[in-house]
N, C-alpha and C. Protein backbone atom coordinates (compact mmCIF):
# COMPACT_ATOMS: atom_id res chain seq x y z
N MET A 1 3.18 -13.85 30.55
CA MET A 1 2.70 -15.00 29.83
C MET A 1 2.05 -15.95 30.83
N GLY A 2 0.88 -16.38 30.49
CA GLY A 2 0.15 -17.28 31.39
C GLY A 2 0.69 -18.69 31.33
N GLU A 3 0.45 -19.41 32.39
CA GLU A 3 0.88 -20.80 32.47
C GLU A 3 -0.15 -21.74 31.86
N SER A 4 -1.39 -21.30 31.76
CA SER A 4 -2.41 -22.19 31.22
C SER A 4 -3.31 -21.41 30.29
N GLY A 5 -3.95 -22.12 29.39
CA GLY A 5 -4.90 -21.51 28.48
C GLY A 5 -6.01 -22.48 28.20
N SER A 6 -7.17 -21.98 27.88
CA SER A 6 -8.28 -22.86 27.57
C SER A 6 -8.60 -22.75 26.09
N ILE A 7 -8.85 -23.90 25.51
CA ILE A 7 -9.22 -23.97 24.11
C ILE A 7 -10.56 -24.68 24.07
N GLY A 8 -11.53 -24.04 23.41
CA GLY A 8 -12.83 -24.67 23.33
C GLY A 8 -13.65 -24.38 24.57
N GLY A 9 -14.63 -25.23 24.83
CA GLY A 9 -15.57 -25.03 25.93
C GLY A 9 -14.98 -25.32 27.29
N ASP A 10 -15.14 -26.53 27.79
CA ASP A 10 -14.74 -26.88 29.15
C ASP A 10 -13.34 -27.47 29.24
N SER A 11 -12.75 -27.89 28.12
CA SER A 11 -11.43 -28.53 28.18
C SER A 11 -10.35 -27.48 28.43
N THR A 12 -9.42 -27.82 29.29
CA THR A 12 -8.32 -26.93 29.63
C THR A 12 -7.01 -27.65 29.34
N ILE A 13 -6.11 -26.97 28.61
CA ILE A 13 -4.81 -27.53 28.30
C ILE A 13 -3.76 -26.73 29.04
N GLN A 14 -2.89 -27.40 29.75
CA GLN A 14 -1.82 -26.75 30.47
C GLN A 14 -0.62 -26.58 29.54
N ILE A 15 -0.19 -25.33 29.36
CA ILE A 15 0.97 -25.05 28.53
C ILE A 15 2.06 -24.50 29.44
N HIS A 16 3.22 -25.17 29.41
CA HIS A 16 4.34 -24.76 30.25
C HIS A 16 5.45 -24.22 29.35
N TRP A 17 6.13 -23.23 29.85
CA TRP A 17 7.22 -22.61 29.11
C TRP A 17 8.41 -23.55 29.09
N THR A 18 8.91 -23.86 27.86
CA THR A 18 10.04 -24.76 27.72
C THR A 18 11.09 -24.11 26.83
N VAL A 19 12.26 -24.71 26.81
CA VAL A 19 13.33 -24.21 25.97
C VAL A 19 12.95 -24.36 24.49
N LYS A 20 12.29 -25.44 24.16
CA LYS A 20 11.86 -25.67 22.78
C LYS A 20 10.86 -24.60 22.33
N LEU A 21 9.95 -24.25 23.20
CA LEU A 21 8.98 -23.20 22.90
C LEU A 21 9.69 -21.85 22.76
N GLU A 22 10.65 -21.59 23.61
CA GLU A 22 11.44 -20.36 23.54
C GLU A 22 12.19 -20.27 22.20
N GLU A 23 12.80 -21.38 21.77
CA GLU A 23 13.51 -21.40 20.50
C GLU A 23 12.57 -21.18 19.32
N TYR A 24 11.37 -21.77 19.41
CA TYR A 24 10.38 -21.59 18.35
C TYR A 24 10.00 -20.12 18.23
N PHE A 25 9.68 -19.47 19.34
CA PHE A 25 9.31 -18.05 19.30
C PHE A 25 10.47 -17.18 18.83
N ALA A 26 11.69 -17.52 19.22
CA ALA A 26 12.85 -16.75 18.80
C ALA A 26 13.07 -16.86 17.29
N SER A 27 12.99 -18.06 16.76
CA SER A 27 13.20 -18.23 15.31
C SER A 27 12.07 -17.60 14.51
N THR A 28 10.84 -17.72 14.99
CA THR A 28 9.72 -17.10 14.30
C THR A 28 9.84 -15.58 14.33
N GLY A 29 10.27 -15.04 15.44
CA GLY A 29 10.47 -13.59 15.55
C GLY A 29 11.57 -13.09 14.62
N GLU A 30 12.66 -13.84 14.50
CA GLU A 30 13.75 -13.46 13.61
C GLU A 30 13.29 -13.48 12.15
N LYS A 31 12.52 -14.51 11.78
CA LYS A 31 12.01 -14.58 10.41
C LYS A 31 11.08 -13.41 10.13
N ALA A 32 10.21 -13.10 11.07
CA ALA A 32 9.28 -11.98 10.89
C ALA A 32 10.03 -10.66 10.77
N HIS A 33 11.07 -10.50 11.55
CA HIS A 33 11.87 -9.27 11.49
C HIS A 33 12.56 -9.14 10.13
N CYS A 34 13.12 -10.24 9.62
CA CYS A 34 13.78 -10.22 8.32
C CYS A 34 12.78 -9.93 7.20
N LEU A 35 11.61 -10.56 7.26
CA LEU A 35 10.60 -10.31 6.23
C LEU A 35 10.10 -8.87 6.29
N SER A 36 10.03 -8.31 7.47
CA SER A 36 9.63 -6.91 7.62
C SER A 36 10.66 -6.00 6.96
N TRP A 37 11.94 -6.29 7.16
CA TRP A 37 12.99 -5.49 6.55
C TRP A 37 12.94 -5.59 5.02
N VAL A 38 12.75 -6.81 4.50
CA VAL A 38 12.66 -7.01 3.05
C VAL A 38 11.46 -6.24 2.49
N HIS A 39 10.34 -6.28 3.19
CA HIS A 39 9.14 -5.57 2.75
C HIS A 39 9.39 -4.06 2.70
N LYS A 40 10.04 -3.52 3.71
CA LYS A 40 10.33 -2.08 3.72
C LYS A 40 11.25 -1.69 2.57
N GLN A 41 12.25 -2.51 2.28
CA GLN A 41 13.17 -2.23 1.18
C GLN A 41 12.44 -2.26 -0.16
N ALA A 42 11.60 -3.27 -0.35
CA ALA A 42 10.85 -3.37 -1.61
C ALA A 42 9.87 -2.22 -1.76
N GLU A 43 9.23 -1.83 -0.66
CA GLU A 43 8.29 -0.72 -0.71
C GLU A 43 9.00 0.58 -1.09
N THR A 44 10.18 0.80 -0.54
CA THR A 44 10.96 2.00 -0.86
C THR A 44 11.35 2.00 -2.34
N MET A 45 11.82 0.87 -2.82
CA MET A 45 12.27 0.78 -4.21
C MET A 45 11.10 1.01 -5.18
N TYR A 46 10.00 0.33 -4.96
CA TYR A 46 8.88 0.47 -5.88
C TYR A 46 8.13 1.77 -5.70
N SER A 47 8.20 2.38 -4.54
CA SER A 47 7.59 3.69 -4.33
C SER A 47 8.32 4.73 -5.18
N ASN A 48 9.64 4.66 -5.21
CA ASN A 48 10.42 5.58 -6.05
C ASN A 48 10.11 5.37 -7.53
N ARG A 49 10.02 4.12 -7.95
CA ARG A 49 9.71 3.83 -9.35
C ARG A 49 8.31 4.31 -9.70
N ARG A 50 7.38 4.13 -8.80
CA ARG A 50 6.00 4.54 -9.05
C ARG A 50 5.92 6.06 -9.20
N THR A 51 6.71 6.78 -8.42
CA THR A 51 6.72 8.24 -8.53
C THR A 51 7.17 8.66 -9.91
N TRP A 52 8.19 7.99 -10.46
CA TRP A 52 8.69 8.34 -11.79
C TRP A 52 7.67 8.04 -12.88
N ILE A 53 6.74 7.14 -12.62
CA ILE A 53 5.68 6.86 -13.59
C ILE A 53 4.49 7.79 -13.36
N ASP A 54 4.13 8.02 -12.13
CA ASP A 54 2.94 8.82 -11.81
C ASP A 54 3.09 10.29 -12.17
N LEU A 55 4.26 10.87 -11.94
CA LEU A 55 4.43 12.30 -12.21
C LEU A 55 4.18 12.68 -13.67
N PRO A 56 4.78 12.00 -14.64
CA PRO A 56 4.48 12.36 -16.04
C PRO A 56 3.02 12.15 -16.41
N VAL A 57 2.40 11.13 -15.84
CA VAL A 57 0.98 10.89 -16.13
C VAL A 57 0.13 12.03 -15.58
N ILE A 58 0.42 12.49 -14.38
CA ILE A 58 -0.34 13.59 -13.78
C ILE A 58 -0.14 14.88 -14.57
N VAL A 59 1.11 15.17 -14.92
CA VAL A 59 1.40 16.39 -15.68
C VAL A 59 0.75 16.31 -17.06
N GLY A 60 0.87 15.18 -17.72
CA GLY A 60 0.26 15.01 -19.05
C GLY A 60 -1.26 15.15 -19.00
N SER A 61 -1.88 14.58 -17.98
CA SER A 61 -3.32 14.71 -17.84
C SER A 61 -3.73 16.16 -17.63
N GLY A 62 -2.96 16.88 -16.84
CA GLY A 62 -3.26 18.29 -16.62
C GLY A 62 -3.12 19.11 -17.88
N VAL A 63 -2.08 18.84 -18.65
CA VAL A 63 -1.86 19.57 -19.91
C VAL A 63 -3.00 19.29 -20.89
N ILE A 64 -3.38 18.03 -21.00
CA ILE A 64 -4.46 17.67 -21.92
C ILE A 64 -5.78 18.29 -21.47
N ALA A 65 -6.06 18.27 -20.18
CA ALA A 65 -7.29 18.88 -19.67
C ALA A 65 -7.29 20.38 -19.93
N PHE A 66 -6.18 21.03 -19.72
CA PHE A 66 -6.07 22.47 -19.97
C PHE A 66 -6.27 22.77 -21.46
N ARG A 67 -5.66 21.96 -22.30
CA ARG A 67 -5.79 22.14 -23.75
C ARG A 67 -7.24 21.93 -24.19
N ASP A 68 -7.88 20.87 -23.68
CA ASP A 68 -9.27 20.58 -24.05
C ASP A 68 -10.20 21.69 -23.59
N ALA A 69 -9.95 22.23 -22.40
CA ALA A 69 -10.80 23.31 -21.90
C ALA A 69 -10.67 24.53 -22.79
N GLY A 70 -9.48 24.86 -23.22
CA GLY A 70 -9.27 25.98 -24.13
C GLY A 70 -9.89 25.73 -25.49
N PHE A 71 -9.81 24.51 -25.97
CA PHE A 71 -10.40 24.15 -27.25
C PHE A 71 -11.91 24.26 -27.21
N LEU A 72 -12.53 23.76 -26.14
CA LEU A 72 -13.98 23.85 -26.01
C LEU A 72 -14.43 25.30 -25.91
N PHE A 73 -13.64 26.12 -25.22
CA PHE A 73 -13.98 27.53 -25.10
C PHE A 73 -13.94 28.20 -26.47
N SER A 74 -12.95 27.86 -27.30
CA SER A 74 -12.85 28.47 -28.63
C SER A 74 -13.98 27.99 -29.53
N ILE A 75 -14.43 26.75 -29.40
CA ILE A 75 -15.57 26.24 -30.17
C ILE A 75 -16.84 26.96 -29.76
N GLN A 76 -17.02 27.16 -28.46
CA GLN A 76 -18.21 27.88 -27.98
C GLN A 76 -18.24 29.30 -28.54
N GLN A 77 -17.10 29.97 -28.59
CA GLN A 77 -17.05 31.32 -29.14
C GLN A 77 -17.37 31.30 -30.64
N PHE A 78 -16.86 30.28 -31.34
CA PHE A 78 -17.12 30.17 -32.77
C PHE A 78 -18.61 29.97 -33.03
N TYR A 79 -19.25 29.04 -32.29
CA TYR A 79 -20.67 28.81 -32.45
C TYR A 79 -21.48 30.04 -32.11
N PHE A 80 -21.05 30.78 -31.10
CA PHE A 80 -21.75 32.00 -30.72
C PHE A 80 -21.72 33.02 -31.86
N LEU A 81 -20.54 33.12 -32.53
CA LEU A 81 -20.41 34.04 -33.64
C LEU A 81 -21.23 33.59 -34.85
N VAL A 82 -21.29 32.30 -35.09
CA VAL A 82 -22.04 31.76 -36.24
C VAL A 82 -23.54 31.90 -36.01
N VAL A 83 -24.00 31.59 -34.80
CA VAL A 83 -25.42 31.63 -34.49
C VAL A 83 -25.94 33.04 -34.45
N VAL A 84 -25.16 33.96 -33.91
CA VAL A 84 -25.61 35.35 -33.77
C VAL A 84 -25.45 36.03 -35.05
């Protein structure tokens, strides 16, 4: 960690490491760690719920597509027989 940093053009601000700054970074890090854990738990929970919704939708879509393809094929055969 550097002892100084520049902000803007020519102005330079000297930043020194203090106990107050250390406490700020420690508390911010703890909050970020806790929020990360909460996010992972929520993601796991809703990912499982989403799977239970997505699977029937995917299977149902496949069944309907298969049924429609067979239906269209039977209509094409019927028209072929009628036309010929």
